[in-house]
Amino acid sequence: MSVVEYTSKFNSLGTYAPAIMADDILKMHRFKRGLNSRIQSALAVYQPTGFDDLVGATIRAETDIKRREDENKNKRPLTGQSFQECRRNTGACFNCGKMGHRIANCPEPLKKMTWSNTNATPNKPKENKTNACMFAITQEEADDANDVVAGTVIINKISAYVLFDCGTTHSFISKRFTKKLGLLPEILVEPFRIATPTSKTIETHKIHRNCIIYINEHTFNAELIQVNMVEFDVIL
């Protein structure tokens, strides 16, 4: 199970444990406990600022682990050329590997040698796997879902039409609304690839950190990924 799939399931099951989901520290603790041991080790010294920050760090850790695994898989055995160079350096016979004679004078029957060609099979292109997903992006999709609610809240002291979606793995902000807030995005080296309800993948390099959300006299910091959407200002 990928981190994105695990996060989706965690948020879905979290609706049955509202006390845990309401406590950010307890929520992050329970989330960490469900991760595999390698990702837990990678996050051992990381101090997240919030749940969204923890999810982002977890996805980055998973990506890094997979990258190292792929690098190890791509390490090839000794090629024919390297094998020849090794025996040439030692003076051993190319046929039997023994010292004192060359392949032309080898007393043993010539062996059929096969050499691996490092250029024969090109590396496969990296798959553009999604590392985030949203389960509703339009008003119609929100109306069809039973685990979302829409309403107006204050973000950075400006009124915003917000969709609260407990199945979404990250929080998002529309490009149009960022201009209204006067925000400048942080440009990411690795993009977010977001799976949408229509199976379309949205890719973005832009994120807005430390956006302040005001709800019932409480304030929350949020990291909002910038996407092109029309019907909502923000999805949380």
C-alpha atoms as a PDB file:
ATOM      1  CA  MET A   1       0.000   0.000   0.000  1.00  0.00           C
ATOM      2  CA  SER A   2       1.425   3.354  -1.025  1.00  0.00           C
ATOM      3  CA  VAL A   3       1.511   6.354   1.306  1.00  0.00           C
ATOM      4  CA  VAL A   4      -1.242   8.046  -0.703  1.00  0.00           C
ATOM      5  CA  GLU A   5      -3.473   4.966  -0.395  1.00  0.00           C
ATOM      6  CA  TYR A   6      -2.658   4.623   3.310  1.00  0.00           C
ATOM      7  CA  THR A   7      -3.434   8.318   3.945  1.00  0.00           C
ATOM      8  CA  SER A   8      -6.762   8.006   2.163  1.00  0.00           C
ATOM      9  CA  LYS A   9      -7.722   4.966   4.230  1.00  0.00           C
ATOM     10  CA  PHE A  10      -6.489   6.633   7.441  1.00  0.00           C
ATOM     11  CA  ASN A  11      -8.638   9.722   6.808  1.00  0.00           C
ATOM     12  CA  SER A  12     -11.633   7.588   5.890  1.00  0.00           C
ATOM     13  CA  LEU A  13     -11.400   5.473   9.049  1.00  0.00           C
ATOM     14  CA  GLY A  14     -10.709   8.592  11.065  1.00  0.00           C
ATOM     15  CA  THR A  15     -14.358   9.601  10.737  1.00  0.00           C
ATOM     16  CA  TYR A  16     -15.083   6.864  13.285  1.00  0.00           C
ATOM     17  CA  ALA A  17     -12.553   8.308  15.756  1.00  0.00           C
ATOM     18  CA  PRO A  18     -13.284  12.051  15.822  1.00  0.00           C
ATOM     19  CA  ALA A  19     -11.473  12.542  19.141  1.00  0.00           C
ATOM     20  CA  ILE A  20      -8.205  11.320  17.610  1.00  0.00           C
ATOM     21  CA  MET A  21      -8.653  13.308  14.413  1.00  0.00           C
ATOM     22  CA  ALA A  22      -9.369  16.493  16.374  1.00  0.00           C
ATOM     23  CA  ASP A  23      -6.073  16.249  18.286  1.00  0.00           C
ATOM     24  CA  ASP A  24      -3.287  16.996  15.788  1.00  0.00           C
ATOM     25  CA  ILE A  25      -0.527  15.466  17.923  1.00  0.00           C
ATOM     26  CA  LEU A  26      -2.460  12.265  18.602  1.00  0.00           C
ATOM     27  CA  LYS A  27      -3.508  12.113  14.939  1.00  0.00           C
ATOM     28  CA  MET A  28       0.122  12.344  13.776  1.00  0.00           C
ATOM     29  CA  HIS A  29       1.179   9.716  16.336  1.00  0.00           C
ATOM     30  CA  ARG A  30      -1.456   7.248  15.128  1.00  0.00           C
ATOM     31  CA  PHE A  31      -0.581   8.003  11.509  1.00  0.00           C
ATOM     32  CA  LYS A  32       3.124   7.278  12.109  1.00  0.00           C
ATOM     33  CA  ARG A  33       2.349   3.976  13.841  1.00  0.00           C
ATOM     34  CA  GLY A  34       0.662   2.681  10.703  1.00  0.00           C
ATOM     35  CA  LEU A  35       3.629   3.379   8.403  1.00  0.00           C
ATOM     36  CA  ASN A  36       6.071   0.654   7.447  1.00  0.00           C
ATOM     37  CA  SER A  37       9.257   0.418   9.487  1.00  0.00           C
ATOM     38  CA  ARG A  38      11.542   1.848   6.782  1.00  0.00           C
ATOM     39  CA  ILE A  39       9.506   5.023   6.452  1.00  0.00           C
ATOM     40  CA  GLN A  40       9.217   5.304  10.238  1.00  0.00           C
ATOM     41  CA  SER A  41      13.010   5.118  10.473  1.00  0.00           C
ATOM     42  CA  ALA A  42      13.384   7.808   7.793  1.00  0.00           C
ATOM     43  CA  LEU A  43      11.080  10.096   9.803  1.00  0.00           C
ATOM     44  CA  ALA A  44      12.620   9.306  13.191  1.00  0.00           C
ATOM     45  CA  VAL A  45      14.265  12.715  13.647  1.00  0.00           C
ATOM     46  CA  TYR A  46      11.779  14.749  11.602  1.00  0.00           C
ATOM     47  CA  GLN A  47       9.633  17.219  13.537  1.00  0.00           C
ATOM     48  CA  PRO A  48       6.507  18.002  11.487  1.00  0.00           C
ATOM     49  CA  THR A  49       4.680  21.288  11.993  1.00  0.00           C
ATOM     50  CA  GLY A  50       1.318  19.673  11.371  1.00  0.00           C
ATOM     51  CA  PHE A  51      -0.463  16.701   9.837  1.00  0.00           C
ATOM     52  CA  ASP A  52      -0.188  17.970   6.246  1.00  0.00           C
ATOM     53  CA  ASP A  53       3.521  18.562   6.782  1.00  0.00           C
ATOM     54  CA  LEU A  54       3.884  14.998   8.110  1.00  0.00           C
ATOM     55  CA  VAL A  55       2.061  13.523   5.094  1.00  0.00           C
ATOM     56  CA  GLY A  56       4.286  15.481   2.718  1.00  0.00           C
ATOM     57  CA  ALA A  57       7.435  14.312   4.511  1.00  0.00           C
ATOM     58  CA  THR A  58       6.150  10.726   4.433  1.00  0.00           C
ATOM     59  CA  ILE A  59       5.575  10.863   0.670  1.00  0.00           C
ATOM     60  CA  ARG A  60       9.065  12.295   0.156  1.00  0.00           C
ATOM     61  CA  ALA A  61      10.556   9.528   2.330  1.00  0.00           C
ATOM     62  CA  GLU A  62       8.681   6.864   0.334  1.00  0.00           C
ATOM     63  CA  THR A  63       9.885   8.381  -2.940  1.00  0.00           C
ATOM     64  CA  ASP A  64      13.478   8.429  -1.715  1.00  0.00           C
ATOM     65  CA  ILE A  65      13.295   4.800  -0.563  1.00  0.00           C
ATOM     66  CA  LYS A  66      11.871   3.698  -3.926  1.00  0.00           C
ATOM     67  CA  ARG A  67      14.555   5.676  -5.764  1.00  0.00           C
ATOM     68  CA  ARG A  68      17.314   3.888  -3.833  1.00  0.00           C
ATOM     69  CA  GLU A  69      15.656   0.530  -4.496  1.00  0.00           C
ATOM     70  CA  ASP A  70      15.483   1.291  -8.218  1.00  0.00           C
ATOM     71  CA  GLU A  71      19.138   2.324  -8.239  1.00  0.00           C
ATOM     72  CA  ASN A  72      20.106  -0.975  -6.602  1.00  0.00           C
ATOM     73  CA  LYS A  73      18.009  -2.931  -9.100  1.00  0.00           C
ATOM     74  CA  ASN A  74      19.712  -1.165 -11.983  1.00  0.00           C
ATOM     75  CA  LYS A  75      23.182  -2.203 -10.819  1.00  0.00           C
ATOM     76  CA  ARG A  76      24.320  -4.771 -13.372  1.00  0.00           C
ATOM     77  CA  PRO A  77      26.617  -7.788 -13.014  1.00  0.00           C
ATOM     78  CA  LEU A  78      30.106  -7.841 -14.484  1.00  0.00           C
ATOM     79  CA  THR A  79      29.870  -7.265 -18.250  1.00  0.00           C
ATOM     80  CA  GLY A  80      31.802  -9.163 -20.883  1.00  0.00           C
ATOM     81  CA  GLN A  81      34.114  -6.224 -21.477  1.00  0.00           C
ATOM     82  CA  SER A  82      34.957  -5.921 -17.781  1.00  0.00           C
ATOM     83  CA  PHE A  83      35.470  -9.696 -17.621  1.00  0.00           C
ATOM     84  CA  GLN A  84      37.981  -9.539 -20.506  1.00  0.00           C
ATOM     85  CA  GLU A  85      39.807  -6.586 -18.957  1.00  0.00           C
ATOM     86  CA  CYS A  86      40.092  -8.474 -15.658  1.00  0.00           C
ATOM     87  CA  ARG A  87      41.758 -11.522 -17.258  1.00  0.00           C
ATOM     88  CA  ARG A  88      43.941  -9.322 -19.466  1.00  0.00           C
ATOM     89  CA  ASN A  89      45.285  -7.570 -16.378  1.00  0.00           C
ATOM     90  CA  THR A  90      46.099 -10.830 -14.583  1.00  0.00           C
ATOM     91  CA  GLY A  91      47.501 -12.585 -17.672  1.00  0.00           C
ATOM     92  CA  ALA A  92      45.035 -15.462 -17.337  1.00  0.00           C
ATOM     93  CA  CYS A  93      43.680 -17.410 -20.304  1.00  0.00           C
ATOM     94  CA  PHE A  94      40.416 -15.988 -21.633  1.00  0.00           C
ATOM     95  CA  ASN A  95      39.081 -19.542 -22.130  1.00  0.00           C
ATOM     96  CA  CYS A  96      39.892 -21.501 -18.951  1.00  0.00           C
ATOM     97  CA  GLY A  97      41.122 -18.747 -16.636  1.00  0.00           C
ATOM     98  CA  LYS A  98      44.412 -20.530 -15.846  1.00  0.00           C
ATOM     99  CA  MET A  99      47.837 -18.914 -15.894  1.00  0.00           C
ATOM    100  CA  GLY A 100      50.808 -19.832 -18.125  1.00  0.00           C
ATOM    101  CA  HIS A 101      49.223 -19.803 -21.559  1.00  0.00           C
ATOM    102  CA  ARG A 102      46.966 -17.788 -23.828  1.00  0.00           C
ATOM    103  CA  ILE A 103      43.626 -18.688 -25.356  1.00  0.00           C
ATOM    104  CA  ALA A 104      45.312 -19.607 -28.672  1.00  0.00           C
ATOM    105  CA  ASN A 105      47.321 -22.351 -26.902  1.00  0.00           C
ATOM    106  CA  CYS A 106      44.631 -23.425 -24.415  1.00  0.00           C
ATOM    107  CA  PRO A 107      44.536 -27.239 -24.051  1.00  0.00           C
ATOM    108  CA  GLU A 108      40.876 -27.194 -23.058  1.00  0.00           C
ATOM    109  CA  PRO A 109      37.969 -27.039 -25.552  1.00  0.00           C
ATOM    110  CA  LEU A 110      36.905 -23.520 -26.299  1.00  0.00           C
ATOM    111  CA  LYS A 111      33.965 -22.459 -24.211  1.00  0.00           C
ATOM    112  CA  LYS A 112      31.050 -20.573 -25.643  1.00  0.00           C
ATOM    113  CA  MET A 113      31.041 -17.196 -23.947  1.00  0.00           C
ATOM    114  CA  THR A 114      28.100 -14.840 -23.841  1.00  0.00           C
ATOM    115  CA  TRP A 115      28.524 -11.201 -22.987  1.00  0.00           C
ATOM    116  CA  SER A 116      25.845  -9.014 -21.521  1.00  0.00           C
ATOM    117  CA  ASN A 117      25.284  -5.822 -23.456  1.00  0.00           C
ATOM    118  CA  THR A 118      24.701  -2.896 -21.145  1.00  0.00           C
ATOM    119  CA  ASN A 119      23.170  -0.904 -23.995  1.00  0.00           C
ATOM    120  CA  ALA A 120      20.821  -3.642 -25.184  1.00  0.00           C
ATOM    121  CA  THR A 121      17.913  -2.724 -22.928  1.00  0.00           C
ATOM    122  CA  PRO A 122      17.417   0.978 -22.319  1.00  0.00           C
ATOM    123  CA  ASN A 123      16.291   2.097 -18.906  1.00  0.00           C
ATOM    124  CA  LYS A 124      12.539   2.361 -18.657  1.00  0.00           C
ATOM    125  CA  PRO A 125      11.253   5.884 -18.163  1.00  0.00           C
ATOM    126  CA  LYS A 126      10.192   6.730 -14.658  1.00  0.00           C
ATOM    127  CA  GLU A 127       6.515   6.322 -14.003  1.00  0.00           C
ATOM    128  CA  ASN A 128       4.760   9.538 -13.103  1.00  0.00           C
ATOM    129  CA  LYS A 129       2.961   8.083 -10.119  1.00  0.00           C
ATOM    130  CA  THR A 130       0.555  10.261  -8.208  1.00  0.00           C
ATOM    131  CA  ASN A 131       1.585  11.424  -4.744  1.00  0.00           C
ATOM    132  CA  ALA A 132      -1.659  13.178  -3.824  1.00  0.00           C
ATOM    133  CA  CYS A 133      -5.346  12.767  -4.539  1.00  0.00           C
ATOM    134  CA  MET A 134      -8.585  14.686  -4.204  1.00  0.00           C
ATOM    135  CA  PHE A 135     -11.988  13.032  -4.124  1.00  0.00           C
ATOM    136  CA  ALA A 136     -14.082  16.039  -5.107  1.00  0.00           C
ATOM    137  CA  ILE A 137     -13.125  19.045  -7.179  1.00  0.00           C
ATOM    138  CA  THR A 138     -16.491  20.327  -8.441  1.00  0.00           C
ATOM    139  CA  GLN A 139     -19.751  21.221  -6.718  1.00  0.00           C
ATOM    140  CA  GLU A 140     -21.493  18.326  -8.468  1.00  0.00           C
ATOM    141  CA  GLU A 141     -18.965  15.811  -7.128  1.00  0.00           C
ATOM    142  CA  ALA A 142     -19.294  17.321  -3.667  1.00  0.00           C
ATOM    143  CA  ASP A 143     -23.092  16.980  -3.812  1.00  0.00           C
ATOM    144  CA  ASP A 144     -22.718  13.277  -4.650  1.00  0.00           C
ATOM    145  CA  ALA A 145     -20.347  12.594  -1.738  1.00  0.00           C
ATOM    146  CA  ASN A 146     -21.518  11.911   1.799  1.00  0.00           C
ATOM    147  CA  ASP A 147     -18.294  12.743   3.633  1.00  0.00           C
ATOM    148  CA  VAL A 148     -17.775  16.350   2.549  1.00  0.00           C
ATOM    149  CA  VAL A 149     -19.192  19.709   3.593  1.00  0.00           C
ATOM    150  CA  ALA A 150     -18.853  23.131   1.996  1.00  0.00           C
ATOM    151  CA  GLY A 151     -18.974  26.516   3.640  1.00  0.00           C
ATOM    152  CA  THR A 152     -17.388  29.915   4.004  1.00  0.00           C
ATOM    153  CA  VAL A 153     -14.342  30.441   6.250  1.00  0.00           C
ATOM    154  CA  ILE A 154     -11.694  33.101   6.596  1.00  0.00           C
ATOM    155  CA  ILE A 155      -8.239  32.466   5.099  1.00  0.00           C
ATOM    156  CA  ASN A 156      -5.562  35.103   5.620  1.00  0.00           C
ATOM    157  CA  LYS A 157      -8.399  37.446   6.727  1.00  0.00           C
ATOM    158  CA  ILE A 158     -10.287  37.049   3.426  1.00  0.00           C
ATOM    159  CA  SER A 159     -13.555  35.150   3.020  1.00  0.00           C
ATOM    160  CA  ALA A 160     -13.204  31.892   1.052  1.00  0.00           C
ATOM    161  CA  TYR A 161     -15.637  29.253  -0.195  1.00  0.00           C
ATOM    162  CA  VAL A 162     -14.127  26.041   1.163  1.00  0.00           C
ATOM    163  CA  LEU A 163     -14.821  22.339   0.684  1.00  0.00           C
ATOM    164  CA  PHE A 164     -13.960  20.169   3.690  1.00  0.00           C
ATOM    165  CA  ASP A 165     -13.182  16.712   2.310  1.00  0.00           C
ATOM    166  CA  CYS A 166     -11.926  14.090   4.766  1.00  0.00           C
ATOM    167  CA  GLY A 167     -10.937  11.786   1.905  1.00  0.00           C
ATOM    168  CA  THR A 168      -8.521  14.212   0.298  1.00  0.00           C
ATOM    169  CA  THR A 169      -4.849  13.584   1.105  1.00  0.00           C
ATOM    170  CA  HIS A 170      -3.727  17.221   0.938  1.00  0.00           C
ATOM    171  CA  SER A 171      -5.163  20.731   0.999  1.00  0.00           C
ATOM    172  CA  PHE A 172      -5.543  22.739  -2.202  1.00  0.00           C
ATOM    173  CA  ILE A 173      -6.070  26.349  -3.244  1.00  0.00           C
ATOM    174  CA  SER A 174      -7.295  27.692  -6.563  1.00  0.00           C
ATOM    175  CA  LYS A 175      -4.973  29.764  -8.704  1.00  0.00           C
ATOM    176  CA  ARG A 176      -7.662  32.424  -8.956  1.00  0.00           C
ATOM    177  CA  PHE A 177      -7.933  32.748  -5.175  1.00  0.00           C
ATOM    178  CA  THR A 178      -4.157  33.020  -4.666  1.00  0.00           C
ATOM    179  CA  LYS A 179      -4.248  36.182  -6.780  1.00  0.00           C
ATOM    180  CA  LYS A 180      -7.018  37.552  -4.563  1.00  0.00           C
ATOM    181  CA  LEU A 181      -4.873  36.851  -1.493  1.00  0.00           C
ATOM    182  CA  GLY A 182      -1.774  38.283  -3.179  1.00  0.00           C
ATOM    183  CA  LEU A 183       0.227  35.116  -2.493  1.00  0.00           C
ATOM    184  CA  LEU A 184       3.483  34.152  -4.177  1.00  0.00           C
ATOM    185  CA  PRO A 185       3.990  30.379  -4.401  1.00  0.00           C
ATOM    186  CA  GLU A 186       6.995  28.331  -3.417  1.00  0.00           C
ATOM    187  CA  ILE A 187       8.231  26.440  -6.479  1.00  0.00           C
ATOM    188  CA  LEU A 188       8.910  22.757  -5.807  1.00  0.00           C
ATOM    189  CA  VAL A 189      11.654  20.773  -7.508  1.00  0.00           C
ATOM    190  CA  GLU A 190       9.520  17.613  -7.563  1.00  0.00           C
ATOM    191  CA  PRO A 191       5.917  18.265  -8.590  1.00  0.00           C
ATOM    192  CA  PHE A 192       2.756  17.066  -6.936  1.00  0.00           C
ATOM    193  CA  ARG A 193       0.871  14.698  -9.241  1.00  0.00           C
ATOM    194  CA  ILE A 194      -2.718  14.730  -8.095  1.00  0.00           C
ATOM    195  CA  ALA A 195      -5.271  12.058  -8.934  1.00  0.00           C
ATOM    196  CA  THR A 196      -8.743  13.552  -9.462  1.00  0.00           C
ATOM    197  CA  PRO A 197     -12.202  11.922  -9.317  1.00  0.00           C
ATOM    198  CA  THR A 198     -12.277  11.787 -13.123  1.00  0.00           C
ATOM    199  CA  SER A 199      -9.028   9.739 -13.176  1.00  0.00           C
ATOM    200  CA  LYS A 200      -7.243  12.730 -14.669  1.00  0.00           C
ATOM    201  CA  THR A 201      -3.865  13.616 -13.206  1.00  0.00           C
ATOM    202  CA  ILE A 202      -3.093  17.232 -12.364  1.00  0.00           C
ATOM    203  CA  GLU A 203       0.549  18.237 -12.012  1.00  0.00           C
ATOM    204  CA  THR A 204       1.726  21.319 -10.145  1.00  0.00           C
ATOM    205  CA  HIS A 205       5.011  22.666  -8.772  1.00  0.00           C
ATOM    206  CA  LYS A 206       3.414  25.406  -6.661  1.00  0.00           C
ATOM    207  CA  ILE A 207       2.606  25.378  -2.946  1.00  0.00           C
ATOM    208  CA  HIS A 208       1.650  28.071  -0.443  1.00  0.00           C
ATOM    209  CA  ARG A 209       2.847  27.449   3.113  1.00  0.00           C
ATOM    210  CA  ASN A 210       1.672  28.896   6.421  1.00  0.00           C
ATOM    211  CA  CYS A 211      -1.717  30.044   5.223  1.00  0.00           C
ATOM    212  CA  ILE A 212      -3.820  30.990   8.259  1.00  0.00           C
ATOM    213  CA  ILE A 213      -7.349  29.573   8.506  1.00  0.00           C
ATOM    214  CA  TYR A 214      -9.829  31.044  10.997  1.00  0.00           C
ATOM    215  CA  ILE A 215     -12.659  28.779  12.198  1.00  0.00           C
ATOM    216  CA  ASN A 216     -14.799  29.634  15.230  1.00  0.00           C
ATOM    217  CA  GLU A 217     -12.130  31.810  16.842  1.00  0.00           C
ATOM    218  CA  HIS A 218      -9.505  29.106  16.291  1.00  0.00           C
ATOM    219  CA  THR A 219      -6.583  29.511  13.900  1.00  0.00           C
ATOM    220  CA  PHE A 220      -4.823  26.815  11.916  1.00  0.00           C
ATOM    221  CA  ASN A 221      -1.779  26.842   9.652  1.00  0.00           C
ATOM    222  CA  ALA A 222      -2.162  25.033   6.354  1.00  0.00           C
ATOM    223  CA  GLU A 223      -0.019  24.162   3.360  1.00  0.00           C
ATOM    224  CA  LEU A 224      -2.107  24.685   0.237  1.00  0.00           C
ATOM    225  CA  ILE A 225      -1.150  23.151  -3.094  1.00  0.00           C
ATOM    226  CA  GLN A 226      -2.051  25.424  -6.003  1.00  0.00           C
ATOM    227  CA  VAL A 227      -4.299  23.920  -8.682  1.00  0.00           C
ATOM    228  CA  ASN A 228      -6.615  25.258 -11.363  1.00  0.00           C
ATOM    229  CA  MET A 229     -10.164  24.855 -10.060  1.00  0.00           C
ATOM    230  CA  VAL A 230     -13.182  27.116 -10.376  1.00  0.00           C
ATOM    231  CA  GLU A 231     -16.003  26.128  -8.032  1.00  0.00           C
ATOM    232  CA  PHE A 232     -14.074  26.206  -4.747  1.00  0.00           C
ATOM    233  CA  ASP A 233     -11.477  28.615  -3.430  1.00  0.00           C
ATOM    234  CA  VAL A 234      -9.895  26.008  -1.178  1.00  0.00           C
ATOM    235  CA  ILE A 235     -10.214  22.283  -0.478  1.00  0.00           C
ATOM    236  CA  LEU A 236      -9.175  21.182   3.018  1.00  0.00           C
END
